[in-house]
Protein backbone atom coordinates (compact mmCIF):
# COMPACT_ATOMS: atom_id res chain seq x y z
CA MET A 1 195.60 21.06 -30.87
CA SER A 2 193.34 22.56 -28.37
CA ALA A 3 192.67 19.17 -26.89
CA GLN A 4 196.44 18.53 -26.43
CA ARG A 5 196.95 21.86 -24.83
CA GLU A 6 193.97 21.18 -22.47
CA MET A 7 195.37 17.74 -21.56
CA LYS A 8 198.81 19.30 -20.81
CA GLU A 9 197.11 21.89 -18.54
CA LYS A 10 195.16 19.20 -16.74
CA ASN A 11 198.25 16.84 -16.50
CA PRO A 12 200.40 18.20 -13.47
CA TRP A 13 203.56 16.51 -14.96
CA TYR A 14 203.71 19.23 -17.66
CA THR A 15 203.95 22.18 -15.22
CA PRO A 16 206.99 24.30 -15.16
CA LEU A 17 207.76 23.52 -11.50
CA THR A 18 207.74 19.80 -12.34
CA ILE A 19 210.18 20.34 -15.26
CA ILE A 20 212.53 22.43 -13.03
CA ILE A 21 212.45 19.66 -10.36
CA THR A 22 213.24 17.03 -13.00
CA VAL A 23 216.23 18.97 -14.34
CA ILE A 24 217.66 19.74 -11.00
CA GLY A 25 217.21 16.07 -10.00
CA VAL A 26 219.09 14.80 -13.06
CA ILE A 27 221.88 17.37 -12.46
CA ALA A 28 222.10 16.25 -8.75
CA ILE A 29 222.36 12.63 -9.77
CA VAL A 30 225.06 13.35 -12.30
CA ALA A 31 226.94 15.42 -9.80
CA LEU A 32 226.72 12.66 -7.18
CA VAL A 33 227.97 9.99 -9.58
CA THR A 34 230.78 12.29 -10.79
CA VAL A 35 232.03 13.14 -7.28
CA ALA A 36 231.89 9.49 -6.13
CA VAL A 37 233.87 8.32 -9.24
CA LEU A 38 236.51 11.05 -8.92
CA GLN A 39 236.94 10.66 -5.21
CA ASN A 40 237.41 6.86 -5.39
CA ARG A 41 239.43 6.43 -8.44
CA PRO A 42 242.79 4.59 -7.96
CA LEU A 43 245.70 6.74 -7.06
CA LEU A 44 248.97 6.43 -9.08
CA GLN A 45 251.96 5.74 -6.74
CA LYS A 46 254.70 8.41 -6.90
CA TYR A 47 258.17 7.10 -6.65
CA LYS A 48 261.56 8.75 -6.08
CA TYR A 49 264.94 7.20 -6.98
CA GLY A 50 268.38 7.09 -5.83
CA ILE A 51 271.60 5.75 -7.29
CA VAL A 52 274.48 4.31 -5.35
CA LEU A 53 277.80 3.16 -6.85
CA ASP A 54 279.71 0.71 -4.74
CA ALA A 55 283.47 1.17 -5.68
CA GLY A 56 284.99 -1.98 -4.17
CA SER A 57 288.46 -3.16 -4.29
CA SER A 58 287.83 -5.77 -7.12
CA HIS A 59 285.02 -4.22 -8.99
CA THR A 60 282.45 -1.36 -9.05
CA ALA A 61 278.59 -2.09 -9.06
CA LEU A 62 275.73 0.39 -9.56
CA TYR A 63 272.49 0.05 -7.71
CA ILE A 64 269.17 1.96 -8.44
CA TYR A 65 266.72 2.18 -5.58
CA GLN A 66 263.17 3.51 -5.62
CA TRP A 67 260.79 4.31 -2.79
CA PRO A 68 257.36 5.91 -2.43
CA ALA A 69 257.38 9.71 -2.17
CA GLU A 70 255.68 9.48 1.24
CA LYS A 71 257.68 7.93 4.13
CA ASP A 72 257.12 5.54 6.98
CA ASN A 73 258.36 7.09 10.30
CA ASN A 74 260.67 9.37 8.49
CA THR A 75 262.45 6.35 6.66
CA GLY A 76 261.71 5.93 2.96
CA ARG A 77 260.53 2.42 1.86
CA VAL A 78 263.41 1.65 -0.39
CA GLU A 79 263.64 -1.36 -2.69
CA GLN A 80 266.18 -2.31 -5.47
CA LYS A 81 265.11 -1.44 -8.94
CA HIS A 82 267.99 -2.25 -11.07
CA SER A 83 271.78 -3.24 -10.73
CA CYS A 84 274.74 -3.08 -13.10
CA LYS A 85 278.17 -4.48 -12.75
CA VAL A 86 280.91 -2.20 -14.13
CA THR A 87 283.22 -3.91 -16.57
CA GLY A 88 286.73 -4.12 -15.30
CA LYS A 89 288.48 -3.89 -12.00
CA GLY A 90 287.79 -1.41 -9.11
CA ILE A 91 288.63 2.31 -9.46
CA SER A 92 291.61 1.87 -7.16
CA SER A 93 293.28 -0.21 -9.88
CA TYR A 94 293.33 2.91 -12.22
CA ALA A 95 295.85 4.88 -9.95
CA ALA A 96 298.29 5.13 -12.84
CA GLN A 97 295.58 6.11 -15.39
CA PRO A 98 292.89 7.86 -13.32
CA GLU A 99 290.89 9.07 -16.26
CA LYS A 100 290.02 5.47 -17.08
CA ALA A 101 288.37 5.18 -13.70
CA GLY A 102 285.71 7.58 -14.79
CA MET A 103 285.44 6.09 -18.22
CA SER A 104 284.77 2.77 -16.82
CA LEU A 105 281.43 4.00 -15.27
CA THR A 106 279.83 5.18 -18.51
CA GLU A 107 278.09 2.06 -19.63
CA CYS A 108 276.28 1.50 -16.33
CA MET A 109 275.48 5.26 -15.97
CA GLN A 110 273.85 5.06 -19.39
CA GLU A 111 271.77 2.19 -18.18
CA ALA A 112 270.72 4.29 -15.21
CA GLU A 113 269.53 7.03 -17.55
CA MET A 114 267.10 4.60 -19.28
CA VAL A 115 265.87 2.96 -15.95
CA VAL A 116 265.09 6.17 -14.03
CA PRO A 117 262.09 8.14 -15.54
CA ALA A 118 263.43 11.23 -17.41
CA LYS A 119 261.27 13.60 -15.42
CA ARG A 120 262.87 12.30 -12.21
CA HIS A 121 266.54 12.61 -13.44
CA SER A 122 267.36 16.05 -12.06
CA GLU A 123 265.98 15.21 -8.58
CA THR A 124 267.49 11.70 -8.34
CA PRO A 125 270.54 11.77 -6.01
CA LEU A 126 273.67 10.09 -7.17
CA TYR A 127 276.32 8.80 -4.66
CA LEU A 128 279.57 6.91 -5.02
CA GLY A 129 280.96 5.15 -1.90
CA ALA A 130 284.44 3.73 -2.14
CA THR A 131 285.54 1.05 0.29
CA ALA A 132 288.77 -0.91 1.24
CA GLY A 133 290.39 -0.62 -2.15
CA MET A 134 290.49 3.10 -2.11
CA ARG A 135 291.25 3.19 1.64
CA LEU A 136 294.49 1.25 0.80
CA LEU A 137 295.24 3.55 -2.12
CA ASN A 138 294.72 6.62 0.04
CA ILE A 139 297.23 5.24 2.56
CA GLU A 140 299.70 4.30 -0.23
CA ASN A 141 299.41 7.37 -2.41
CA ARG A 142 297.02 10.19 -1.44
CA SER A 143 297.69 12.14 -4.59
CA ALA A 144 296.72 9.14 -6.81
CA SER A 145 293.64 8.65 -4.71
CA ASP A 146 292.63 12.26 -5.20
CA GLN A 147 293.13 12.07 -9.04
CA VAL A 148 290.95 8.89 -9.24
CA PHE A 149 288.12 10.81 -7.40
CA GLN A 150 288.55 13.85 -9.65
CA ALA A 151 288.16 11.57 -12.74
CA VAL A 152 285.19 9.83 -11.21
CA GLU A 153 283.47 13.00 -10.23
CA LYS A 154 283.99 14.55 -13.70
CA ALA A 155 282.46 11.61 -15.30
CA LEU A 156 279.40 11.41 -12.97
CA GLN A 157 278.73 15.08 -13.21
CA SER A 158 278.23 14.65 -16.94
CA PHE A 159 274.97 12.73 -16.35
CA PRO A 160 271.62 14.46 -15.64
CA PHE A 161 271.31 13.23 -12.11
CA SER A 162 271.66 15.21 -8.81
CA TYR A 163 275.36 14.38 -8.06
CA GLN A 164 275.95 14.34 -4.33
CA GLY A 165 279.69 13.40 -4.25
CA ALA A 166 282.08 10.56 -3.94
CA ARG A 167 283.86 9.57 -0.83
CA ILE A 168 285.55 6.81 0.92
CA LEU A 169 283.38 5.12 3.55
CA SER A 170 284.97 4.26 6.79
CA GLY A 171 285.17 0.51 7.64
CA GLN A 172 282.58 1.07 10.46
CA GLU A 173 280.08 2.69 8.14
CA GLU A 174 280.50 -0.08 5.63
CA GLY A 175 279.75 -2.70 8.31
CA ALA A 176 276.93 -0.73 9.86
CA PHE A 177 275.14 -0.13 6.57
CA GLY A 178 275.39 -3.73 5.66
CA TRP A 179 273.75 -4.52 8.96
CA VAL A 180 270.91 -2.07 8.11
CA THR A 181 270.39 -3.75 4.66
CA VAL A 182 269.98 -7.25 6.15
CA ASN A 183 267.49 -6.25 8.86
CA TYR A 184 265.62 -3.92 6.58
CA LEU A 185 265.02 -6.53 3.99
CA ASP A 186 263.95 -8.96 6.59
CA ASP A 187 261.39 -6.34 7.99
CA ARG A 188 263.02 -6.68 11.41
CA LEU A 189 263.36 -2.84 11.76
CA LYS A 190 259.85 -1.99 10.95
CA GLN A 191 258.36 -4.74 13.16
CA GLY A 192 260.80 -4.17 16.07
CA LEU A 193 261.99 -7.75 16.01
CA GLU A 194 265.23 -9.21 17.27
CA THR A 195 268.00 -8.00 14.77
CA THR A 196 270.27 -10.07 12.62
CA GLY A 197 274.03 -9.63 12.72
CA ALA A 198 275.91 -8.91 9.48
CA LEU A 199 279.06 -10.46 8.21
CA ASP A 200 280.67 -8.86 5.13
CA LEU A 201 283.71 -10.11 3.27
CA GLY A 202 285.18 -8.05 0.42
CA GLY A 203 288.54 -8.18 -1.36
CA ALA A 204 290.48 -5.93 0.89
CA SER A 205 288.45 -5.77 4.23
CA THR A 206 285.94 -7.69 6.26
CA GLN A 207 283.30 -6.37 8.64
CA ILE A 208 281.23 -7.80 11.58
CA SER A 209 278.21 -5.89 12.96
CA PHE A 210 275.65 -6.82 15.49
CA VAL A 211 273.50 -5.49 18.34
CA SER A 212 274.62 -6.97 21.69
CA HIS A 213 272.58 -6.20 24.83
CA ASP A 214 275.68 -6.79 26.85
CA TYR A 215 277.73 -4.35 24.96
CA ASP A 216 279.20 -1.56 27.08
CA ILE A 217 279.81 1.38 24.77
CA SER A 218 282.29 2.92 27.13
CA GLU A 219 284.65 -0.05 26.70
CA SER A 220 285.23 0.59 22.96
CA PRO A 221 283.38 3.73 21.78
CA SER A 222 285.18 3.58 18.37
CA ASN A 223 283.16 0.33 17.65
CA SER A 224 279.85 1.84 18.17
CA MET A 225 277.28 3.40 15.85
CA THR A 226 273.70 4.41 16.54
CA PHE A 227 270.79 4.49 14.08
CA ARG A 228 267.16 5.65 14.44
CA LEU A 229 264.98 3.81 12.02
CA TYR A 230 261.20 3.38 12.12
CA GLY A 231 261.09 5.30 15.45
CA ASN A 232 263.52 2.85 17.12
CA ASP A 233 267.06 3.40 18.20
CA TYR A 234 269.72 0.83 17.58
CA ASN A 235 273.09 0.85 19.25
CA LEU A 236 275.31 -1.26 17.03
CA TYR A 237 278.78 -2.94 17.58
CA THR A 238 280.81 -2.89 14.37
CA HIS A 239 284.31 -3.28 13.24
CA SER A 240 286.08 -3.52 9.99
CA PHE A 241 289.47 -5.35 9.55
CA LEU A 242 291.40 -3.74 6.75
CA CYS A 243 293.69 -6.11 4.88
CA TYR A 244 291.52 -9.07 5.94
CA GLY A 245 289.51 -9.27 2.76
CA LYS A 246 290.03 -12.50 0.84
CA ASP A 247 292.49 -10.94 -1.72
CA GLN A 248 294.71 -9.07 0.73
CA VAL A 249 294.68 -11.74 3.28
CA LEU A 250 296.00 -14.28 0.58
CA ARG A 251 298.78 -11.72 0.05
CA MET A 252 299.53 -11.83 3.72
CA ALA A 253 299.55 -15.62 3.69
CA LEU A 254 301.95 -15.75 0.73
CA ALA A 255 304.13 -13.15 2.55
CA LYS A 256 304.14 -15.29 5.61
CA GLN A 257 305.54 -18.11 3.52
CA THR A 258 308.13 -16.10 1.65
CA GLN A 259 309.67 -14.22 4.57
CA LEU A 260 313.09 -15.81 3.75
CA GLY A 261 312.91 -15.01 0.13
CA PRO A 262 312.76 -18.64 -1.27
CA SER A 263 312.63 -19.46 -4.95
CA THR A 264 310.06 -22.04 -4.45
CA ILE A 265 307.25 -22.56 -1.82
CA LEU A 266 304.96 -25.53 -1.30
CA ASP A 267 301.63 -24.00 -0.36
CA PRO A 268 299.13 -26.15 1.57
CA CYS A 269 296.25 -23.81 0.53
CA PHE A 270 296.44 -24.63 -3.16
CA HIS A 271 295.65 -27.93 -4.92
CA PRO A 272 298.17 -30.74 -5.53
CA GLY A 273 299.70 -30.18 -8.89
CA TYR A 274 299.10 -26.52 -8.95
CA THR A 275 302.09 -24.48 -9.99
CA THR A 276 302.71 -20.92 -11.19
CA THR A 277 305.35 -18.22 -11.16
CA ARG A 278 304.76 -15.16 -9.06
CA ASN A 279 306.70 -11.96 -8.94
CA TYR A 280 307.87 -10.73 -5.63
CA SER A 281 307.48 -7.04 -6.42
CA SER A 282 303.79 -7.63 -7.54
CA LEU A 283 303.08 -9.58 -4.32
CA TYR A 284 304.44 -6.94 -1.98
CA ASP A 285 303.10 -3.86 -3.76
CA SER A 286 300.18 -3.50 -1.33
CA PRO A 287 300.25 -1.47 2.04
CA CYS A 288 299.05 -4.75 3.69
CA VAL A 289 302.36 -6.36 3.04
CA SER A 290 304.82 -3.92 1.72
CA GLY A 291 306.71 -3.65 5.07
CA ARG A 292 307.38 -7.38 5.18
CA ARG A 293 309.24 -7.83 1.90
CA PRO A 294 312.36 -9.77 2.40
CA ARG A 295 315.52 -7.67 1.71
CA GLU A 296 317.32 -10.51 -0.33
CA ALA A 297 314.91 -12.30 -2.65
CA PRO A 298 314.95 -13.34 -6.30
CA THR A 299 312.76 -11.62 -8.85
CA ASN A 300 310.25 -14.43 -8.96
CA PHE A 301 309.35 -17.61 -7.01
CA SER A 302 307.62 -20.76 -7.87
CA HIS A 303 304.35 -21.16 -6.24
CA LYS A 304 303.30 -24.93 -5.89
CA GLY A 305 300.21 -26.50 -4.25
CA GLU A 306 300.17 -29.18 -1.57
CA GLY A 307 296.47 -29.33 -0.91
CA ASN A 308 296.50 -29.90 2.86
CA PHE A 309 293.61 -28.28 4.69
CA THR A 310 295.03 -28.68 8.21
CA LYS A 311 298.32 -27.10 7.28
CA CYS A 312 296.53 -24.28 5.40
CA GLN A 313 294.46 -23.60 8.47
CA GLU A 314 297.69 -23.28 10.46
CA VAL A 315 298.91 -20.62 8.02
CA VAL A 316 295.72 -18.69 8.24
CA LYS A 317 295.66 -18.90 12.01
CA SER A 318 299.24 -17.36 12.10
CA LEU A 319 297.69 -14.18 10.52
CA PHE A 320 295.47 -13.72 13.65
CA ASN A 321 296.92 -12.47 16.94
CA THR A 322 294.47 -13.95 19.46
CA THR A 323 296.57 -13.38 22.56
CA ALA A 324 296.83 -9.67 22.93
CA CYS A 325 293.68 -8.18 24.46
CA LYS A 326 293.25 -5.18 26.85
CA TYR A 327 289.47 -5.44 26.95
CA SER A 328 287.19 -7.92 28.62
CA LYS A 329 286.89 -9.83 25.39
CA CYS A 330 288.45 -9.59 21.97
CA SER A 331 288.17 -11.10 18.43
CA PHE A 332 291.64 -10.92 17.14
CA ASN A 333 294.52 -8.39 16.83
CA GLY A 334 293.38 -6.91 20.14
CA VAL A 335 290.05 -5.68 18.82
CA PHE A 336 287.20 -5.65 21.40
CA GLN A 337 284.17 -7.81 20.58
CA PRO A 338 281.25 -8.41 22.79
CA PRO A 339 279.76 -11.98 22.97
CA LEU A 340 278.14 -12.97 19.78
CA GLN A 341 274.26 -12.66 19.87
CA GLY A 342 271.47 -13.84 17.67
CA PRO A 343 271.46 -15.00 14.08
CA PHE A 344 273.89 -13.63 11.44
CA GLY A 345 273.71 -13.01 7.69
CA ALA A 346 276.94 -13.64 5.78
CA PHE A 347 277.11 -12.07 2.29
CA SER A 348 279.38 -10.78 -0.47
CA ALA A 349 282.46 -13.04 -0.81
CA TYR A 350 281.20 -15.24 2.00
CA TYR A 351 278.31 -16.24 -0.02
CA TYR A 352 280.16 -16.55 -3.49
CA VAL A 353 282.95 -18.68 -1.96
CA MET A 354 280.71 -21.05 0.11
CA ASN A 355 278.20 -21.33 -2.60
CA PHE A 356 280.82 -22.50 -5.03
CA LEU A 357 282.12 -25.03 -2.47
CA ASN A 358 278.43 -26.07 -1.83
CA LEU A 359 279.00 -25.35 1.86
CA THR A 360 276.21 -22.77 2.42
CA ASP A 361 274.09 -25.25 4.46
CA THR A 362 275.05 -24.33 8.06
CA SER A 363 272.72 -27.03 9.50
CA ILE A 364 275.48 -29.48 8.58
CA HIS A 365 277.87 -30.17 11.56
CA LEU A 366 280.87 -27.93 11.48
CA GLU A 367 283.35 -30.90 11.41
CA THR A 368 281.54 -32.16 8.43
CA VAL A 369 281.98 -28.79 6.65
CA LYS A 370 285.71 -28.94 7.53
CA ASN A 371 285.99 -32.51 6.19
CA ASN A 372 284.23 -31.66 2.96
CA LEU A 373 286.55 -28.74 2.50
CA ALA A 374 289.60 -30.76 3.30
CA SER A 375 288.49 -33.31 0.61
CA TYR A 376 288.06 -30.46 -1.93
CA CYS A 377 291.59 -28.92 -1.20
CA ALA A 378 293.26 -32.45 -1.58
CA THR A 379 291.64 -32.76 -5.04
CA PRO A 380 294.34 -32.64 -7.78
CA TRP A 381 294.51 -29.46 -9.68
CA ASN A 382 294.02 -31.01 -13.11
CA GLN A 383 290.82 -32.65 -11.89
CA ILE A 384 289.54 -29.28 -10.48
CA LYS A 385 290.24 -27.66 -13.83
CA GLN A 386 288.37 -30.36 -15.75
CA MET A 387 285.43 -29.84 -13.45
CA HIS A 388 285.15 -26.04 -13.35
CA LEU A 389 287.44 -24.28 -15.73
CA SER A 390 284.76 -23.93 -18.40
CA ASN A 391 282.86 -21.48 -16.33
CA VAL A 392 285.30 -20.00 -13.76
CA LYS A 393 288.51 -18.12 -14.47
CA GLU A 394 291.67 -20.02 -13.49
CA LYS A 395 292.84 -17.38 -11.13
CA TYR A 396 289.66 -17.53 -9.02
CA LEU A 397 289.38 -21.28 -9.39
CA ALA A 398 292.85 -21.72 -7.87
CA GLU A 399 292.04 -19.57 -4.73
CA TYR A 400 288.76 -21.29 -3.59
CA CYS A 401 290.61 -23.84 -1.28
CA PHE A 402 292.42 -20.90 0.39
CA SER A 403 289.30 -18.67 0.64
CA GLY A 404 287.13 -21.44 1.97
CA THR A 405 289.73 -22.28 4.55
CA TYR A 406 290.17 -18.58 5.55
CA ILE A 407 286.32 -18.18 5.90
CA LEU A 408 285.99 -21.05 8.30
CA THR A 409 289.13 -19.95 10.32
CA LEU A 410 287.95 -16.33 10.40
CA LEU A 411 284.48 -17.32 11.73
CA THR A 412 285.75 -19.82 14.38
CA GLU A 413 289.19 -18.59 15.37
CA GLY A 414 288.72 -14.92 14.55
CA TYR A 415 285.01 -14.14 15.58
CA ASN A 416 284.59 -16.96 18.05
CA PHE A 417 281.80 -18.89 16.39
CA THR A 418 281.56 -22.45 17.92
CA LYS A 419 280.19 -25.72 16.65
CA GLU A 420 277.02 -24.80 18.47
CA THR A 421 276.73 -21.22 17.13
CA TYR A 422 277.87 -21.89 13.64
CA SER A 423 274.51 -22.84 12.58
CA ASN A 424 273.24 -19.32 13.49
CA ILE A 425 274.96 -18.06 10.29
CA LYS A 426 273.01 -17.91 7.02
CA PHE A 427 274.93 -17.31 3.76
CA ILE A 428 272.79 -14.93 1.66
CA LYS A 429 273.10 -13.33 -1.77
CA LYS A 430 269.81 -11.60 -2.02
CA ILE A 431 266.87 -10.90 0.27
CA LYS A 432 263.52 -10.21 -1.41
CA GLY A 433 265.05 -9.34 -4.68
CA SER A 434 267.65 -6.91 -3.36
CA ASP A 435 271.33 -7.61 -3.12
CA ALA A 436 272.84 -7.94 0.36
CA GLY A 437 275.46 -5.32 1.04
CA TRP A 438 276.05 -1.91 2.46
CA THR A 439 274.57 0.12 -0.39
CA LEU A 440 270.81 -0.32 0.35
CA GLY A 441 271.47 0.55 3.99
CA TYR A 442 273.37 3.52 2.89
CA MET A 443 270.64 4.69 0.55
CA LEU A 444 268.04 3.88 3.34
CA ASN A 445 269.89 6.10 5.85
CA LEU A 446 270.30 8.96 3.32
CA THR A 447 266.59 9.13 2.43
CA ASN A 448 266.08 10.68 5.91
CA MET A 449 267.71 13.82 4.48
CA ILE A 450 265.48 13.82 1.33
CA PRO A 451 262.18 15.92 1.96
CA ALA A 452 259.05 13.68 1.76
CA GLU A 453 257.01 14.67 -1.23
CA ALA A 454 253.16 15.00 -0.72
CA PRO A 455 251.55 11.97 -2.05
CA ASP A 456 248.71 12.07 -4.58
CA SER A 457 245.42 12.54 -2.72
CA PRO A 458 241.79 12.49 -3.63
CA PRO A 459 240.38 15.87 -5.05
CA LEU A 460 238.28 16.46 -1.78
CA PRO A 461 239.21 15.93 1.87
CA HIS A 462 237.16 13.24 3.51
CA ALA A 463 234.97 15.69 5.50
CA GLY A 464 234.22 17.71 2.41
CA TYR A 465 233.42 14.59 0.36
CA VAL A 466 230.94 13.43 3.09
CA SER A 467 229.34 16.89 3.26
CA ILE A 468 228.73 17.16 -0.48
CA VAL A 469 227.29 13.76 -0.73
CA THR A 470 225.01 14.41 2.27
CA VAL A 471 223.77 17.66 0.80
CA ILE A 472 223.09 16.06 -2.68
CA ALA A 473 221.34 13.16 -0.97
CA VAL A 474 219.04 15.52 0.98
CA LEU A 475 218.48 17.57 -2.11
CA LEU A 476 217.31 14.43 -4.18
CA PHE A 477 215.10 13.44 -1.25
CA ILE A 478 213.35 16.83 -1.20
CA LEU A 479 213.09 16.65 -5.13
CA LEU A 480 211.55 13.22 -4.80
CA ILE A 481 208.96 14.48 -2.33
CA LEU A 482 208.24 17.53 -4.61
CA SER A 483 207.93 15.32 -7.62
CA LEU A 484 205.15 13.36 -5.90
CA ARG A 485 203.18 16.60 -5.45
CA PRO A 486 200.54 15.54 -8.03
CA VAL A 487 199.60 12.51 -5.94
CA TRP A 488 198.97 14.59 -2.90
CA PRO A 489 195.38 15.65 -3.67
CA ARG A 490 194.34 12.21 -4.55
CA CYS A 491 195.73 10.89 -1.23
CA SER A 492 193.88 13.57 0.71
CA LYS A 493 190.49 12.89 -1.12
CA GLN A 494 190.46 9.15 -0.19
CA PRO A 495 187.14 8.40 1.66
CA GLN A 496 187.54 7.95 5.31
CA ILE A 497 186.05 4.88 6.98
CA VAL A 498 184.20 5.75 10.24
């Protein structure tokens, strides 16, 4: 035992100072590793959510958007998380039974509860925007419109989200937010690129929106909207034509052909062999045509198809007034429109109709597109049904000839696209996984009013982290020098060579 004790006393590694140095060194190394791991661990991304209900004339759709809690230039980075199409027609169709308008939203709202994390429910804003269908109902029956909104609000407030209200969007808002969507998804706003115009077609209205450098705001201030996104200002020309959505414009076309109250019409916009019975009261129960109903007319009329594209186009052209214009330049019906500029994205009914007709490729010459459509319209109705009735409802199938003709006529005769500029149009359904439409632009604009939440950050600020690492490194260096203390005497006793 005495020998071991003597050995320990002679061995400098067993001294209390050395033990202390070793313990401190181990602690310092552990601390350094711990700080480095915690400081550099992956950060979980925080997300916020928003819900927008698009209450259109023909149906309602729910969209859930998410974006990082921090923002880019005061504009949240929004992307579509989920969508749900509400079963049934648009909320304006429930004017006689307003409570059903609210009930119709239940299934999609329950989906939203499952998609949005429960801890985010109370802070997730919920909006409902109604478009042309409710605009028309509001014109026709203000009381019924209010009752529909009351039923919708009652239903939406029963869910655990932050309900922010339901309102009717103006036509200009609908067009402008569609423009924001198209350009946002193409990253044109963030990168400051040339913007893309937006062409939107619904059941009751249609919108055109684009930035024109030649646009003099003072000429038509009502067609101007200004946005500030990603630090850039955009002055936008936008206009909405109420009653020129594909469903209401069909009513106007039929009204044009039944002005004299006939019992039968031969319609060039429907396929040869097509025949159905229509009710005069049902045809004229929209504000778009109610003032045109013939005084003396039978209860019903027989609607027969002729399938003549050229004649159909003449019927559609008669719905546009292209002569009256008090401005330097107009589209139709005396509405100011600056010269078209840049590429355009056409979505909603534009896409669905032209995709069905296999006419979305705008690189094809415009005359070829017209010839293909003329051939389709001339196809007998029985043959059309054999080809498509298994997957398309008969009502919609019957209207594609008219809708396709209307789209081409609207673009060329209404908005003044030519055979040279027609190729600037791109028919789109989705961009980078998000549906094209006004709702994303609406949500994007509204995120400017939502306070940015502080993102997850490392435990220490960068300067503090560097300081701590430096102190520990210096401490370890000193400890290393001290730990070599037993070697010092040997080094000093080395013989010197003279």
